[in-house]
Amino acid sequence: MKIIAAPGQGAQTPGFLNPWLELDGVRDTLSAYSDIVAIDLIAAGTTADAETIRDTAVAQPLIVAAGLIAHAALLTTDLAPQAEVGYAGHSVGEITAAALAGVLSAEDAMRFVSTRSRGMAEAAHETSTGMSAVLTRGDIGDAAAAIIAAGLHVANYNGSGQIVAAGSTEAIAAFAAEPPAGVKVIPLSVAGAFHTPFMASAIPPLRALANTLKASSPIHPIYTNWDGSRVDDGTQYLDHLVEQVARPVRWDLCQESFIADGVTALVELAPAGTLTGLARRGLPGTSTVALKTPDDLDAARALLAERDPETSPIRNDHSTAGDK
């Protein structure tokens, strides 16, 4: 199996959509998505500065729209993958994955992320909160226990010795000032304690919207951040999307499922780089392509078109330079 993965918030950088706008139809598609979310996504992805696209209400729709556009460009040829292709997303990337796997239409995915982003932005303004990556060479359980003891929450379990602490800005600062031995703390450019109880107020409006949407059974395998499992029921996946706002992201368990299912390759959609980096550490031997710009399309298509070996689920890595 091969995975097409969609990144989460924090992957965006100023101007990252500029090269994508050179492709036919992209500007029109972005304009249509902009109308749905009431944000100028073209400006956000081309001329807006880092602070503007750090805003949760802007960042999340921008990331989902970018993933949908990159995927459409990836499959414009008569690409016929020689293995089953599954989908997974990290945090807000799960909404992208839902559209690509057939759970939601692209339009409903944009409606969903619009409501999600506004609700989470409003929740973030209720209390001053933030997030920091916590890197350890020791036991993840010990690092998680230290985070909790510091009055914080574990928001992401990313695998490869990386978890994310989230909570009040004061508690985050105190934890970074005196981290446990063998632990490195790196502040993240996000504006809230996502995937923690601080986001609880974002759930009711998202639930109300979800109840109006049609969730279909996925036409491709899709994995959930809930517990890393494959989900066959669209309604269940949509329920997970709603509740996941205030639950930790279990990307580590997604990667464990990839290994169990014999995943041999992973293509990360724009704005790419984060998940391929985690794959190189957590999925050794798995081939990766980070689809950052249209220049990476041929490499991504070639990887998806390769036939999987019949005797072994793992092969040597031949990641492209674009994965850095």
C-alpha atoms as a PDB file:
ATOM      1  CA  MET A   1       0.000   0.000   0.000  1.00  0.00           C
ATOM      2  CA  LYS A   2       0.978   3.617  -0.546  1.00  0.00           C
ATOM      3  CA  ILE A   3      -0.182   6.601   1.484  1.00  0.00           C
ATOM      4  CA  ILE A   4      -1.076  10.097   0.340  1.00  0.00           C
ATOM      5  CA  ALA A   5      -0.793  12.257   3.448  1.00  0.00           C
ATOM      6  CA  ALA A   6      -2.048  15.776   4.168  1.00  0.00           C
ATOM      7  CA  PRO A   7      -0.129  18.004   6.612  1.00  0.00           C
ATOM      8  CA  GLY A   8      -1.514  20.020   9.485  1.00  0.00           C
ATOM      9  CA  GLN A   9      -1.360  23.588  10.726  1.00  0.00           C
ATOM     10  CA  GLY A  10       2.095  25.089  10.971  1.00  0.00           C
ATOM     11  CA  ALA A  11       3.247  23.656   7.633  1.00  0.00           C
ATOM     12  CA  GLN A  12       2.292  26.841   5.756  1.00  0.00           C
ATOM     13  CA  THR A  13       4.908  29.437   4.776  1.00  0.00           C
ATOM     14  CA  PRO A  14       4.502  32.841   3.093  1.00  0.00           C
ATOM     15  CA  GLY A  15       4.077  32.586  -0.666  1.00  0.00           C
ATOM     16  CA  PHE A  16       3.991  28.785  -0.849  1.00  0.00           C
ATOM     17  CA  LEU A  17       1.055  28.769  -3.288  1.00  0.00           C
ATOM     18  CA  ASN A  18       2.757  30.990  -5.877  1.00  0.00           C
ATOM     19  CA  PRO A  19       4.071  28.165  -8.082  1.00  0.00           C
ATOM     20  CA  TRP A  20       0.751  26.299  -7.929  1.00  0.00           C
ATOM     21  CA  LEU A  21      -1.094  29.266  -9.407  1.00  0.00           C
ATOM     22  CA  GLU A  22       0.838  28.739 -12.621  1.00  0.00           C
ATOM     23  CA  LEU A  23      -1.164  25.551 -13.250  1.00  0.00           C
ATOM     24  CA  ASP A  24      -4.318  25.720 -15.353  1.00  0.00           C
ATOM     25  CA  GLY A  25      -7.516  26.003 -13.344  1.00  0.00           C
ATOM     26  CA  VAL A  26      -5.900  26.510  -9.941  1.00  0.00           C
ATOM     27  CA  ARG A  27      -6.795  30.188  -9.675  1.00  0.00           C
ATOM     28  CA  ASP A  28     -10.460  29.452 -10.479  1.00  0.00           C
ATOM     29  CA  THR A  29     -10.565  26.607  -7.971  1.00  0.00           C
ATOM     30  CA  LEU A  30      -9.017  28.753  -5.252  1.00  0.00           C
ATOM     31  CA  SER A  31     -11.495  31.517  -6.009  1.00  0.00           C
ATOM     32  CA  ALA A  32     -14.376  29.088  -5.563  1.00  0.00           C
ATOM     33  CA  TYR A  33     -12.947  27.834  -2.258  1.00  0.00           C
ATOM     34  CA  SER A  34     -12.398  31.454  -1.182  1.00  0.00           C
ATOM     35  CA  ASP A  35     -16.101  32.153  -1.685  1.00  0.00           C
ATOM     36  CA  ILE A  36     -17.005  29.200   0.554  1.00  0.00           C
ATOM     37  CA  VAL A  37     -14.750  30.217   3.444  1.00  0.00           C
ATOM     38  CA  ALA A  38     -15.073  34.013   2.949  1.00  0.00           C
ATOM     39  CA  ILE A  39     -11.286  34.414   2.848  1.00  0.00           C
ATOM     40  CA  ASP A  40      -9.088  35.439  -0.078  1.00  0.00           C
ATOM     41  CA  LEU A  41      -7.065  32.235  -0.227  1.00  0.00           C
ATOM     42  CA  ILE A  42      -5.105  33.409  -3.252  1.00  0.00           C
ATOM     43  CA  ALA A  43      -3.770  36.416  -1.349  1.00  0.00           C
ATOM     44  CA  ALA A  44      -3.252  34.295   1.768  1.00  0.00           C
ATOM     45  CA  GLY A  45      -1.121  31.803  -0.123  1.00  0.00           C
ATOM     46  CA  THR A  46       0.866  34.267  -2.209  1.00  0.00           C
ATOM     47  CA  THR A  47       1.301  37.746  -0.722  1.00  0.00           C
ATOM     48  CA  ALA A  48       0.261  37.466   2.936  1.00  0.00           C
ATOM     49  CA  ASP A  49       2.961  37.613   5.595  1.00  0.00           C
ATOM     50  CA  ALA A  50       3.768  34.936   8.169  1.00  0.00           C
ATOM     51  CA  GLU A  51       1.689  36.546  10.927  1.00  0.00           C
ATOM     52  CA  THR A  52      -1.402  36.712   8.716  1.00  0.00           C
ATOM     53  CA  ILE A  53      -1.283  33.047   7.768  1.00  0.00           C
ATOM     54  CA  ARG A  54      -0.488  32.076  11.345  1.00  0.00           C
ATOM     55  CA  ASP A  55      -4.043  33.091  12.230  1.00  0.00           C
ATOM     56  CA  THR A  56      -5.963  29.850  12.747  1.00  0.00           C
ATOM     57  CA  ALA A  57      -8.998  31.145  10.854  1.00  0.00           C
ATOM     58  CA  VAL A  58      -6.778  31.666   7.800  1.00  0.00           C
ATOM     59  CA  ALA A  59      -4.217  28.875   8.161  1.00  0.00           C
ATOM     60  CA  GLN A  60      -6.599  25.945   8.320  1.00  0.00           C
ATOM     61  CA  PRO A  61      -8.685  26.699   5.189  1.00  0.00           C
ATOM     62  CA  LEU A  62      -5.478  27.601   3.348  1.00  0.00           C
ATOM     63  CA  ILE A  63      -3.854  24.265   4.172  1.00  0.00           C
ATOM     64  CA  VAL A  64      -6.898  22.206   3.199  1.00  0.00           C
ATOM     65  CA  ALA A  65      -7.325  24.124  -0.071  1.00  0.00           C
ATOM     66  CA  ALA A  66      -3.631  23.629  -0.893  1.00  0.00           C
ATOM     67  CA  GLY A  67      -3.893  19.895  -0.312  1.00  0.00           C
ATOM     68  CA  LEU A  68      -6.940  19.578  -2.538  1.00  0.00           C
ATOM     69  CA  ILE A  69      -5.239  21.526  -5.322  1.00  0.00           C
ATOM     70  CA  ALA A  70      -1.992  19.553  -5.096  1.00  0.00           C
ATOM     71  CA  HIS A  71      -3.887  16.266  -5.187  1.00  0.00           C
ATOM     72  CA  ALA A  72      -5.906  17.338  -8.228  1.00  0.00           C
ATOM     73  CA  ALA A  73      -2.674  18.240 -10.017  1.00  0.00           C
ATOM     74  CA  LEU A  74      -1.096  14.942  -8.996  1.00  0.00           C
ATOM     75  CA  LEU A  75      -3.887  12.933 -10.628  1.00  0.00           C
ATOM     76  CA  THR A  76      -4.362  14.956 -13.820  1.00  0.00           C
ATOM     77  CA  THR A  77      -2.542  12.295 -15.840  1.00  0.00           C
ATOM     78  CA  ASP A  78      -3.621   8.704 -16.469  1.00  0.00           C
ATOM     79  CA  LEU A  79      -1.851   7.684 -13.303  1.00  0.00           C
ATOM     80  CA  ALA A  80      -2.609   4.095 -12.357  1.00  0.00           C
ATOM     81  CA  PRO A  81      -0.984   3.265  -9.002  1.00  0.00           C
ATOM     82  CA  GLN A  82       0.354  -0.281  -8.926  1.00  0.00           C
ATOM     83  CA  ALA A  83      -0.735  -0.710  -5.316  1.00  0.00           C
ATOM     84  CA  GLU A  84      -3.664   0.269  -3.134  1.00  0.00           C
ATOM     85  CA  VAL A  85      -3.530   3.936  -2.150  1.00  0.00           C
ATOM     86  CA  GLY A  86      -4.731   5.078   1.262  1.00  0.00           C
ATOM     87  CA  TYR A  87      -5.167   8.510   2.798  1.00  0.00           C
ATOM     88  CA  ALA A  88      -4.303  10.072   6.122  1.00  0.00           C
ATOM     89  CA  GLY A  89      -4.067  13.600   7.446  1.00  0.00           C
ATOM     90  CA  HIS A  90      -2.390  15.173  10.441  1.00  0.00           C
ATOM     91  CA  SER A  91      -4.802  17.342  12.473  1.00  0.00           C
ATOM     92  CA  VAL A  92      -6.582  19.677  10.032  1.00  0.00           C
ATOM     93  CA  GLY A  93      -5.110  17.540   7.248  1.00  0.00           C
ATOM     94  CA  GLU A  94      -7.696  14.915   8.199  1.00  0.00           C
ATOM     95  CA  ILE A  95     -10.299  17.131   6.520  1.00  0.00           C
ATOM     96  CA  THR A  96      -8.258  17.095   3.316  1.00  0.00           C
ATOM     97  CA  ALA A  97      -7.988  13.318   3.569  1.00  0.00           C
ATOM     98  CA  ALA A  98     -11.753  13.036   4.097  1.00  0.00           C
ATOM     99  CA  ALA A  99     -12.394  14.798   0.793  1.00  0.00           C
ATOM    100  CA  LEU A 100      -9.796  12.806  -1.109  1.00  0.00           C
ATOM    101  CA  ALA A 101     -10.999   9.445   0.218  1.00  0.00           C
ATOM    102  CA  GLY A 102     -14.619  10.260  -0.654  1.00  0.00           C
ATOM    103  CA  VAL A 103     -16.039  10.839   2.839  1.00  0.00           C
ATOM    104  CA  LEU A 104     -16.881  14.498   2.105  1.00  0.00           C
ATOM    105  CA  SER A 105     -17.180  16.526  -1.065  1.00  0.00           C
ATOM    106  CA  ALA A 106     -14.476  19.149  -1.574  1.00  0.00           C
ATOM    107  CA  GLU A 107     -17.056  21.878  -0.995  1.00  0.00           C
ATOM    108  CA  ASP A 108     -18.261  20.335   2.266  1.00  0.00           C
ATOM    109  CA  ALA A 109     -14.661  19.868   3.369  1.00  0.00           C
ATOM    110  CA  MET A 110     -14.107  23.601   2.890  1.00  0.00           C
ATOM    111  CA  ARG A 111     -17.318  24.392   4.806  1.00  0.00           C
ATOM    112  CA  PHE A 112     -16.198  22.085   7.595  1.00  0.00           C
ATOM    113  CA  VAL A 113     -12.720  23.588   7.868  1.00  0.00           C
ATOM    114  CA  SER A 114     -14.163  27.095   7.811  1.00  0.00           C
ATOM    115  CA  THR A 115     -16.353  26.369  10.825  1.00  0.00           C
ATOM    116  CA  ARG A 116     -13.569  24.458  12.553  1.00  0.00           C
ATOM    117  CA  SER A 117     -11.009  27.204  12.062  1.00  0.00           C
ATOM    118  CA  ARG A 118     -13.294  29.983  13.286  1.00  0.00           C
ATOM    119  CA  GLY A 119     -14.337  27.982  16.331  1.00  0.00           C
ATOM    120  CA  MET A 120     -10.782  27.087  17.246  1.00  0.00           C
ATOM    121  CA  ALA A 121      -9.608  30.662  16.711  1.00  0.00           C
ATOM    122  CA  GLU A 122     -12.337  31.927  19.029  1.00  0.00           C
ATOM    123  CA  ALA A 123     -11.477  29.269  21.615  1.00  0.00           C
ATOM    124  CA  ALA A 124      -7.812  30.279  21.414  1.00  0.00           C
ATOM    125  CA  HIS A 125      -8.745  33.883  22.202  1.00  0.00           C
ATOM    126  CA  GLU A 126     -10.545  32.862  25.395  1.00  0.00           C
ATOM    127  CA  THR A 127      -7.241  32.098  27.141  1.00  0.00           C
ATOM    128  CA  SER A 128      -3.636  32.823  26.203  1.00  0.00           C
ATOM    129  CA  THR A 129      -2.320  29.419  25.158  1.00  0.00           C
ATOM    130  CA  GLY A 130       0.331  27.889  22.939  1.00  0.00           C
ATOM    131  CA  MET A 131       2.131  24.731  21.892  1.00  0.00           C
ATOM    132  CA  SER A 132       5.726  23.474  21.867  1.00  0.00           C
ATOM    133  CA  ALA A 133       7.315  20.428  20.294  1.00  0.00           C
ATOM    134  CA  VAL A 134       9.019  18.205  22.852  1.00  0.00           C
ATOM    135  CA  LEU A 135      11.855  16.058  21.544  1.00  0.00           C
ATOM    136  CA  THR A 136      13.338  13.274  23.624  1.00  0.00           C
ATOM    137  CA  ARG A 137      15.777  10.442  23.132  1.00  0.00           C
ATOM    138  CA  GLY A 138      14.358   8.770  26.192  1.00  0.00           C
ATOM    139  CA  ASP A 139      11.017   7.197  26.959  1.00  0.00           C
ATOM    140  CA  ILE A 140       8.015   9.016  25.460  1.00  0.00           C
ATOM    141  CA  GLY A 141       5.939   8.031  28.476  1.00  0.00           C
ATOM    142  CA  ASP A 142       8.351   9.821  30.799  1.00  0.00           C
ATOM    143  CA  ALA A 143       8.249  12.957  28.648  1.00  0.00           C
ATOM    144  CA  ALA A 144       4.446  12.848  28.553  1.00  0.00           C
ATOM    145  CA  ALA A 145       4.330  12.453  32.332  1.00  0.00           C
ATOM    146  CA  ALA A 146       6.594  15.494  32.739  1.00  0.00           C
ATOM    147  CA  ILE A 147       4.322  17.533  30.465  1.00  0.00           C
ATOM    148  CA  ILE A 148       1.262  16.597  32.478  1.00  0.00           C
ATOM    149  CA  ALA A 149       3.065  17.253  35.768  1.00  0.00           C
ATOM    150  CA  ALA A 150       3.820  20.761  34.472  1.00  0.00           C
ATOM    151  CA  GLY A 151       0.091  21.450  34.148  1.00  0.00           C
ATOM    152  CA  LEU A 152       0.103  20.982  30.376  1.00  0.00           C
ATOM    153  CA  HIS A 153      -1.565  18.601  27.921  1.00  0.00           C
ATOM    154  CA  VAL A 154      -0.031  16.260  25.373  1.00  0.00           C
ATOM    155  CA  ALA A 155      -1.650  17.462  22.136  1.00  0.00           C
ATOM    156  CA  ASN A 156       0.242  15.375  19.564  1.00  0.00           C
ATOM    157  CA  TYR A 157       2.031  12.059  19.645  1.00  0.00           C
ATOM    158  CA  ASN A 158       4.033  12.288  16.421  1.00  0.00           C
ATOM    159  CA  GLY A 159       6.315   9.306  16.848  1.00  0.00           C
ATOM    160  CA  SER A 160      10.098   9.215  16.514  1.00  0.00           C
ATOM    161  CA  GLY A 161      10.623  10.738  19.949  1.00  0.00           C
ATOM    162  CA  GLN A 162       8.429  13.764  19.288  1.00  0.00           C
ATOM    163  CA  ILE A 163       5.331  14.839  21.169  1.00  0.00           C
ATOM    164  CA  VAL A 164       3.703  18.250  21.532  1.00  0.00           C
ATOM    165  CA  ALA A 165       2.885  20.039  24.780  1.00  0.00           C
ATOM    166  CA  ALA A 166       0.014  22.513  24.893  1.00  0.00           C
ATOM    167  CA  GLY A 167      -1.498  24.761  27.507  1.00  0.00           C
ATOM    168  CA  SER A 168      -1.333  28.236  28.985  1.00  0.00           C
ATOM    169  CA  THR A 169       1.475  30.449  27.743  1.00  0.00           C
ATOM    170  CA  GLU A 170       2.776  30.751  31.296  1.00  0.00           C
ATOM    171  CA  ALA A 171       2.973  26.990  31.772  1.00  0.00           C
ATOM    172  CA  ILE A 172       4.540  26.500  28.335  1.00  0.00           C
ATOM    173  CA  ALA A 173       7.193  29.118  29.113  1.00  0.00           C
ATOM    174  CA  ALA A 174       7.942  27.599  32.510  1.00  0.00           C
ATOM    175  CA  PHE A 175       8.305  24.126  31.004  1.00  0.00           C
ATOM    176  CA  ALA A 176      10.667  25.420  28.294  1.00  0.00           C
ATOM    177  CA  ALA A 177      12.750  27.285  30.882  1.00  0.00           C
ATOM    178  CA  GLU A 178      13.376  24.126  32.923  1.00  0.00           C
ATOM    179  CA  PRO A 179      12.829  21.092  30.680  1.00  0.00           C
ATOM    180  CA  PRO A 180      13.459  17.568  31.970  1.00  0.00           C
ATOM    181  CA  ALA A 181      16.890  16.118  31.389  1.00  0.00           C
ATOM    182  CA  GLY A 182      17.402  14.912  27.828  1.00  0.00           C
ATOM    183  CA  VAL A 183      14.409  16.862  26.513  1.00  0.00           C
ATOM    184  CA  LYS A 184      14.443  19.687  23.964  1.00  0.00           C
ATOM    185  CA  VAL A 185      11.507  22.118  23.801  1.00  0.00           C
ATOM    186  CA  ILE A 186      10.795  24.039  20.562  1.00  0.00           C
ATOM    187  CA  PRO A 187       8.001  26.672  20.417  1.00  0.00           C
ATOM    188  CA  LEU A 188       5.521  26.177  17.561  1.00  0.00           C
ATOM    189  CA  SER A 189       4.061  28.944  15.423  1.00  0.00           C
ATOM    190  CA  VAL A 190       0.426  28.272  16.259  1.00  0.00           C
ATOM    191  CA  ALA A 191      -2.036  30.486  18.076  1.00  0.00           C
ATOM    192  CA  GLY A 192      -3.633  28.175  20.606  1.00  0.00           C
ATOM    193  CA  ALA A 193      -3.597  24.927  22.584  1.00  0.00           C
ATOM    194  CA  PHE A 194      -5.138  22.785  19.864  1.00  0.00           C
ATOM    195  CA  HIS A 195      -6.284  19.220  20.497  1.00  0.00           C
ATOM    196  CA  THR A 196      -6.756  19.887  24.219  1.00  0.00           C
ATOM    197  CA  PRO A 197      -9.768  20.713  26.435  1.00  0.00           C
ATOM    198  CA  PHE A 198      -9.047  24.404  25.712  1.00  0.00           C
ATOM    199  CA  MET A 199     -10.778  23.800  22.351  1.00  0.00           C
ATOM    200  CA  ALA A 200     -14.014  22.395  23.806  1.00  0.00           C
ATOM    201  CA  SER A 201     -16.081  25.449  22.863  1.00  0.00           C
ATOM    202  CA  ALA A 202     -15.305  24.823  19.162  1.00  0.00           C
ATOM    203  CA  ILE A 203     -17.103  21.472  19.177  1.00  0.00           C
ATOM    204  CA  PRO A 204     -20.827  22.460  19.377  1.00  0.00           C
ATOM    205  CA  PRO A 205     -20.896  24.619  16.206  1.00  0.00           C
ATOM    206  CA  LEU A 206     -18.850  22.008  14.382  1.00  0.00           C
ATOM    207  CA  ARG A 207     -21.235  19.283  15.513  1.00  0.00           C
ATOM    208  CA  ALA A 208     -24.196  21.347  14.317  1.00  0.00           C
ATOM    209  CA  LEU A 209     -22.626  21.702  10.870  1.00  0.00           C
ATOM    210  CA  ALA A 210     -21.628  18.043  10.695  1.00  0.00           C
ATOM    211  CA  ASN A 211     -25.242  17.053  11.267  1.00  0.00           C
ATOM    212  CA  THR A 212     -26.154  18.827   8.014  1.00  0.00           C
ATOM    213  CA  LEU A 213     -23.433  17.193   5.888  1.00  0.00           C
ATOM    214  CA  LYS A 214     -23.567  13.949   3.964  1.00  0.00           C
ATOM    215  CA  ALA A 215     -20.764  11.622   4.988  1.00  0.00           C
ATOM    216  CA  SER A 216     -20.191   8.770   2.542  1.00  0.00           C
ATOM    217  CA  SER A 217     -18.285   5.553   3.065  1.00  0.00           C
ATOM    218  CA  PRO A 218     -14.672   6.074   1.958  1.00  0.00           C
ATOM    219  CA  ILE A 219     -13.790   4.755  -1.490  1.00  0.00           C
ATOM    220  CA  HIS A 220     -10.139   4.477  -0.438  1.00  0.00           C
ATOM    221  CA  PRO A 221      -8.603   3.354   2.863  1.00  0.00           C
ATOM    222  CA  ILE A 222      -8.460   6.218   5.338  1.00  0.00           C
ATOM    223  CA  TYR A 223      -6.799   6.375   8.737  1.00  0.00           C
ATOM    224  CA  THR A 224      -7.904   8.397  11.744  1.00  0.00           C
ATOM    225  CA  ASN A 225      -5.877  10.424  14.246  1.00  0.00           C
ATOM    226  CA  TRP A 226      -8.294   9.114  16.877  1.00  0.00           C
ATOM    227  CA  ASP A 227      -6.385   5.856  17.345  1.00  0.00           C
ATOM    228  CA  GLY A 228      -4.520   5.277  14.084  1.00  0.00           C
ATOM    229  CA  SER A 229      -7.056   2.779  12.780  1.00  0.00           C
ATOM    230  CA  ARG A 230      -8.605   2.487   9.327  1.00  0.00           C
ATOM    231  CA  VAL A 231     -12.201   3.685   9.268  1.00  0.00           C
ATOM    232  CA  ASP A 232     -14.752   2.174   6.882  1.00  0.00           C
ATOM    233  CA  ASP A 233     -17.784   4.218   7.925  1.00  0.00           C
ATOM    234  CA  GLY A 234     -18.023   7.829   6.757  1.00  0.00           C
ATOM    235  CA  THR A 235     -20.310   8.940   9.581  1.00  0.00           C
ATOM    236  CA  GLN A 236     -17.902   7.545  12.142  1.00  0.00           C
ATOM    237  CA  TYR A 237     -14.993   9.330  10.493  1.00  0.00           C
ATOM    238  CA  LEU A 238     -16.928  12.617  10.516  1.00  0.00           C
ATOM    239  CA  ASP A 239     -17.756  12.095  14.204  1.00  0.00           C
ATOM    240  CA  HIS A 240     -14.046  11.631  14.874  1.00  0.00           C
ATOM    241  CA  LEU A 241     -13.277  14.846  12.984  1.00  0.00           C
ATOM    242  CA  VAL A 242     -15.611  16.780  15.275  1.00  0.00           C
ATOM    243  CA  GLU A 243     -14.356  15.330  18.546  1.00  0.00           C
ATOM    244  CA  GLN A 244     -10.697  15.362  17.462  1.00  0.00           C
ATOM    245  CA  VAL A 245     -10.624  19.143  17.910  1.00  0.00           C
ATOM    246  CA  ALA A 246     -10.166  18.584  21.645  1.00  0.00           C
ATOM    247  CA  ARG A 247      -8.404  15.200  21.547  1.00  0.00           C
ATOM    248  CA  PRO A 248      -4.699  14.465  21.012  1.00  0.00           C
ATOM    249  CA  VAL A 249      -3.439  13.648  17.521  1.00  0.00           C
ATOM    250  CA  ARG A 250      -2.124  10.074  17.414  1.00  0.00           C
ATOM    251  CA  TRP A 251       0.078  10.222  14.329  1.00  0.00           C
ATOM    252  CA  ASP A 252       2.350   7.685  16.013  1.00  0.00           C
ATOM    253  CA  LEU A 253      -0.480   5.156  15.880  1.00  0.00           C
ATOM    254  CA  CYS A 254      -1.216   6.052  12.261  1.00  0.00           C
ATOM    255  CA  GLN A 255       2.390   5.231  11.419  1.00  0.00           C
ATOM    256  CA  GLU A 256       2.139   1.963  13.315  1.00  0.00           C
ATOM    257  CA  SER A 257      -0.900   1.091  11.203  1.00  0.00           C
ATOM    258  CA  PHE A 258       1.021   1.976   8.035  1.00  0.00           C
ATOM    259  CA  ILE A 259       3.704  -0.515   9.022  1.00  0.00           C
ATOM    260  CA  ALA A 260       1.148  -3.196   9.870  1.00  0.00           C
ATOM    261  CA  ASP A 261      -0.578  -2.682   6.513  1.00  0.00           C
ATOM    262  CA  GLY A 262       2.669  -2.966   4.564  1.00  0.00           C
ATOM    263  CA  VAL A 263       2.926   0.651   3.425  1.00  0.00           C
ATOM    264  CA  THR A 264       5.938   1.059   1.136  1.00  0.00           C
ATOM    265  CA  ALA A 265       5.686   4.717   0.116  1.00  0.00           C
ATOM    266  CA  LEU A 266       4.259   8.039   1.269  1.00  0.00           C
ATOM    267  CA  VAL A 267       3.534  11.180  -0.758  1.00  0.00           C
ATOM    268  CA  GLU A 268       2.889  14.308   1.295  1.00  0.00           C
ATOM    269  CA  LEU A 269       0.690  16.989  -0.237  1.00  0.00           C
ATOM    270  CA  ALA A 270       1.484  20.698  -0.142  1.00  0.00           C
ATOM    271  CA  PRO A 271       2.530  22.448   2.025  1.00  0.00           C
ATOM    272  CA  ALA A 272       4.778  19.420   2.428  1.00  0.00           C
ATOM    273  CA  GLY A 273       7.823  18.458   4.447  1.00  0.00           C
ATOM    274  CA  THR A 274       6.678  17.736   7.996  1.00  0.00           C
ATOM    275  CA  LEU A 275       5.129  14.302   7.505  1.00  0.00           C
ATOM    276  CA  THR A 276       7.829  13.044   5.158  1.00  0.00           C
ATOM    277  CA  GLY A 277      10.333  14.014   7.842  1.00  0.00           C
ATOM    278  CA  LEU A 278       8.433  11.988  10.422  1.00  0.00           C
ATOM    279  CA  ALA A 279       8.155   9.093   7.959  1.00  0.00           C
ATOM    280  CA  ARG A 280      11.903   8.968   7.395  1.00  0.00           C
ATOM    281  CA  ARG A 281      12.384   8.491  11.126  1.00  0.00           C
ATOM    282  CA  GLY A 282       9.281   6.463  11.983  1.00  0.00           C
ATOM    283  CA  LEU A 283       8.870   4.406   8.794  1.00  0.00           C
ATOM    284  CA  PRO A 284      12.431   3.334   7.968  1.00  0.00           C
ATOM    285  CA  GLY A 285      12.833   2.058   4.431  1.00  0.00           C
ATOM    286  CA  THR A 286       9.644   3.736   3.221  1.00  0.00           C
ATOM    287  CA  SER A 287      10.024   5.818   0.054  1.00  0.00           C
ATOM    288  CA  THR A 288       8.806   9.413   0.352  1.00  0.00           C
ATOM    289  CA  VAL A 289       8.129  12.444  -1.800  1.00  0.00           C
ATOM    290  CA  ALA A 290       7.267  15.850  -0.370  1.00  0.00           C
ATOM    291  CA  LEU A 291       5.005  17.552  -2.923  1.00  0.00           C
ATOM    292  CA  LYS A 292       6.055  21.127  -2.181  1.00  0.00           C
ATOM    293  CA  THR A 293       5.761  22.615  -5.671  1.00  0.00           C
ATOM    294  CA  PRO A 294       4.623  21.432  -9.117  1.00  0.00           C
ATOM    295  CA  ASP A 295       8.277  20.579  -9.790  1.00  0.00           C
ATOM    296  CA  ASP A 296       7.774  17.594  -7.466  1.00  0.00           C
ATOM    297  CA  LEU A 297       4.755  16.205  -9.367  1.00  0.00           C
ATOM    298  CA  ASP A 298       6.709  13.892 -11.649  1.00  0.00           C
ATOM    299  CA  ALA A 299       8.577  12.312  -8.730  1.00  0.00           C
ATOM    300  CA  ALA A 300       5.332  11.832  -6.801  1.00  0.00           C
ATOM    301  CA  ARG A 301       3.590  10.295  -9.816  1.00  0.00           C
ATOM    302  CA  ALA A 302       6.515   7.979 -10.448  1.00  0.00           C
ATOM    303  CA  LEU A 303       6.482   6.795  -6.852  1.00  0.00           C
ATOM    304  CA  LEU A 304       2.750   6.092  -6.930  1.00  0.00           C
ATOM    305  CA  ALA A 305       3.092   4.298 -10.253  1.00  0.00           C
ATOM    306  CA  GLU A 306       5.753   1.891  -8.976  1.00  0.00           C
ATOM    307  CA  ARG A 307       4.680  -1.677  -8.406  1.00  0.00           C
ATOM    308  CA  ASP A 308       5.037  -2.857  -4.839  1.00  0.00           C
ATOM    309  CA  PRO A 309       7.377  -5.792  -4.241  1.00  0.00           C
ATOM    310  CA  GLU A 310       5.445  -8.990  -3.732  1.00  0.00           C
ATOM    311  CA  THR A 311       7.702 -10.470  -1.103  1.00  0.00           C
ATOM    312  CA  SER A 312       8.497  -7.602   1.237  1.00  0.00           C
ATOM    313  CA  PRO A 313       6.479  -4.673   2.631  1.00  0.00           C
ATOM    314  CA  ILE A 314       9.615  -2.562   3.081  1.00  0.00           C
ATOM    315  CA  ARG A 315      12.092  -1.268   0.518  1.00  0.00           C
ATOM    316  CA  ASN A 316      15.068   1.048   0.415  1.00  0.00           C
ATOM    317  CA  ASP A 317      14.431   4.768   0.749  1.00  0.00           C
ATOM    318  CA  HIS A 318      15.012   6.925  -2.324  1.00  0.00           C
ATOM    319  CA  SER A 319      13.525  10.168  -1.016  1.00  0.00           C
ATOM    320  CA  THR A 320      13.774  13.189  -3.276  1.00  0.00           C
ATOM    321  CA  ALA A 321      15.695  16.336  -2.461  1.00  0.00           C
ATOM    322  CA  GLY A 322      12.334  18.038  -2.065  1.00  0.00           C
ATOM    323  CA  ASP A 323      11.772  16.128   1.178  1.00  0.00           C
ATOM    324  CA  LYS A 324      14.040  18.369   3.187  1.00  0.00           C
END
